[in-house]
Every structure is written in structure tokens, then in C-alpha cells.
Amino acid sequence: MSFEAFKDQVTNLNPTDRRRLMASLISLEDAQMNAYRAKLRQKIDDKNPDHWLTIEQLDEHLRLGESPQ
């Protein structure tokens, strides 16, 4: 199903079903964010220096040294 077709179907939902859909989407997004936070927390709490990035690696990864064009 295309996104446009999905939008059309959502537009035709009654208000109760639309709220249920929104709640479901918010729940999915929240679960994804919780998984991301857990993974980030695990990386931050990692005490093994072998897993850490150097400043140079971070700079290369984030390209912080590049000037905007």
C-alpha cells in the first residue's frame, strides 16, 4: 500500500479509530526510542577503553573539522 493510499484511509477513519491509530504509532515510536536510549546508555557505561573512540576518530566520524560550504 502506498503512503498516499494509507493517508486516504486514515482520513476516512472515525475519530475514535484515528486516536487509537495515533496511540499505537506513539507507542511504536516510544519503544524504538527506549531501545535507542538503552543502547546509548550501554555504550556510555562501557568501561573498556578498547571500545572508546579517540578524538580524531570522533572528528572523522562526525566531520567536525570540516568547514561549512
C-alpha atoms as a PDB file:
ATOM      1  CA  MET A   1       0.000   0.000   0.000  1.00  0.00           C
ATOM      2  CA  SER A   2       1.353   3.419  -0.887  1.00  0.00           C
ATOM      3  CA  PHE A   3       1.669   6.148   1.686  1.00  0.00           C
ATOM      4  CA  GLU A   4      -0.924   8.239  -0.162  1.00  0.00           C
ATOM      5  CA  ALA A   5      -3.421   5.373  -0.054  1.00  0.00           C
ATOM      6  CA  PHE A   6      -2.720   4.927   3.643  1.00  0.00           C
ATOM      7  CA  LYS A   7      -3.263   8.652   4.260  1.00  0.00           C
ATOM      8  CA  ASP A   8      -6.571   8.469   2.442  1.00  0.00           C
ATOM      9  CA  GLN A   9      -7.676   5.560   4.617  1.00  0.00           C
ATOM     10  CA  VAL A  10      -6.613   7.370   7.792  1.00  0.00           C
ATOM     11  CA  THR A  11      -8.562  10.443   6.701  1.00  0.00           C
ATOM     12  CA  ASN A  12     -11.692   8.315   6.478  1.00  0.00           C
ATOM     13  CA  LEU A  13     -11.329   6.786   9.955  1.00  0.00           C
ATOM     14  CA  ASN A  14     -13.768   7.805  12.633  1.00  0.00           C
ATOM     15  CA  PRO A  15     -12.256   9.934  15.432  1.00  0.00           C
ATOM     16  CA  THR A  16     -12.042   7.012  17.880  1.00  0.00           C
ATOM     17  CA  ASP A  17     -10.122   4.814  15.452  1.00  0.00           C
ATOM     18  CA  ARG A  18      -7.882   7.738  14.487  1.00  0.00           C
ATOM     19  CA  ARG A  19      -6.990   8.258  18.169  1.00  0.00           C
ATOM     20  CA  ARG A  20      -6.306   4.527  18.537  1.00  0.00           C
ATOM     21  CA  LEU A  21      -4.005   4.673  15.498  1.00  0.00           C
ATOM     22  CA  MET A  22      -2.173   7.696  16.901  1.00  0.00           C
ATOM     23  CA  ALA A  23      -1.725   5.961  20.249  1.00  0.00           C
ATOM     24  CA  SER A  24      -0.351   2.896  18.503  1.00  0.00           C
ATOM     25  CA  LEU A  25       2.117   4.967  16.454  1.00  0.00           C
ATOM     26  CA  ILE A  26       3.259   6.864  19.536  1.00  0.00           C
ATOM     27  CA  SER A  27       3.737   3.570  21.362  1.00  0.00           C
ATOM     28  CA  LEU A  28       5.876   2.220  18.492  1.00  0.00           C
ATOM     29  CA  GLU A  29       7.979   5.385  18.428  1.00  0.00           C
ATOM     30  CA  ASP A  30       8.430   5.298  22.201  1.00  0.00           C
ATOM     31  CA  ALA A  31       9.565   1.662  22.107  1.00  0.00           C
ATOM     32  CA  GLN A  32      12.102   2.491  19.408  1.00  0.00           C
ATOM     33  CA  MET A  33      13.406   5.454  21.407  1.00  0.00           C
ATOM     34  CA  ASN A  34      13.675   3.314  24.549  1.00  0.00           C
ATOM     35  CA  ALA A  35      15.745   0.743  22.641  1.00  0.00           C
ATOM     36  CA  TYR A  36      17.993   3.534  21.324  1.00  0.00           C
ATOM     37  CA  ARG A  37      18.394   5.013  24.811  1.00  0.00           C
ATOM     38  CA  ALA A  38      19.296   1.603  26.234  1.00  0.00           C
ATOM     39  CA  LYS A  39      21.929   1.061  23.540  1.00  0.00           C
ATOM     40  CA  LEU A  40      23.355   4.551  24.089  1.00  0.00           C
ATOM     41  CA  ARG A  41      23.380   4.041  27.863  1.00  0.00           C
ATOM     42  CA  GLN A  42      25.259   0.761  27.403  1.00  0.00           C
ATOM     43  CA  LYS A  43      27.886   2.499  25.251  1.00  0.00           C
ATOM     44  CA  ILE A  44      28.290   5.364  27.716  1.00  0.00           C
ATOM     45  CA  ASP A  45      28.660   2.973  30.656  1.00  0.00           C
ATOM     46  CA  ASP A  46      31.270   0.835  28.840  1.00  0.00           C
ATOM     47  CA  LYS A  47      34.422   0.986  30.988  1.00  0.00           C
ATOM     48  CA  ASN A  48      36.627  -0.812  28.450  1.00  0.00           C
ATOM     49  CA  PRO A  49      38.979   1.756  26.810  1.00  0.00           C
ATOM     50  CA  ASP A  50      39.395  -0.592  23.833  1.00  0.00           C
ATOM     51  CA  HIS A  51      35.817   0.291  22.883  1.00  0.00           C
ATOM     52  CA  TRP A  52      36.294   4.052  23.132  1.00  0.00           C
ATOM     53  CA  LEU A  53      36.882   6.379  20.185  1.00  0.00           C
ATOM     54  CA  THR A  54      39.788   8.780  20.029  1.00  0.00           C
ATOM     55  CA  ILE A  55      39.104  12.466  19.441  1.00  0.00           C
ATOM     56  CA  GLU A  56      40.442  12.029  15.908  1.00  0.00           C
ATOM     57  CA  GLN A  57      38.103   9.107  15.195  1.00  0.00           C
ATOM     58  CA  LEU A  58      35.164  11.069  16.547  1.00  0.00           C
ATOM     59  CA  ASP A  59      36.122  14.116  14.492  1.00  0.00           C
ATOM     60  CA  GLU A  60      36.424  11.960  11.371  1.00  0.00           C
ATOM     61  CA  HIS A  61      33.114  10.254  12.061  1.00  0.00           C
ATOM     62  CA  LEU A  62      31.216  13.471  12.777  1.00  0.00           C
ATOM     63  CA  ARG A  63      33.259  15.556  10.331  1.00  0.00           C
ATOM     64  CA  LEU A  64      33.537  18.328  12.904  1.00  0.00           C
ATOM     65  CA  GLY A  65      36.743  19.613  11.348  1.00  0.00           C
ATOM     66  CA  GLU A  66      35.070  20.443   8.028  1.00  0.00           C
ATOM     67  CA  SER A  67      34.072  23.992   7.359  1.00  0.00           C
ATOM     68  CA  PRO A  68      30.505  24.583   6.135  1.00  0.00           C
ATOM     69  CA  GLN A  69      30.151  25.122   2.411  1.00  0.00           C
END
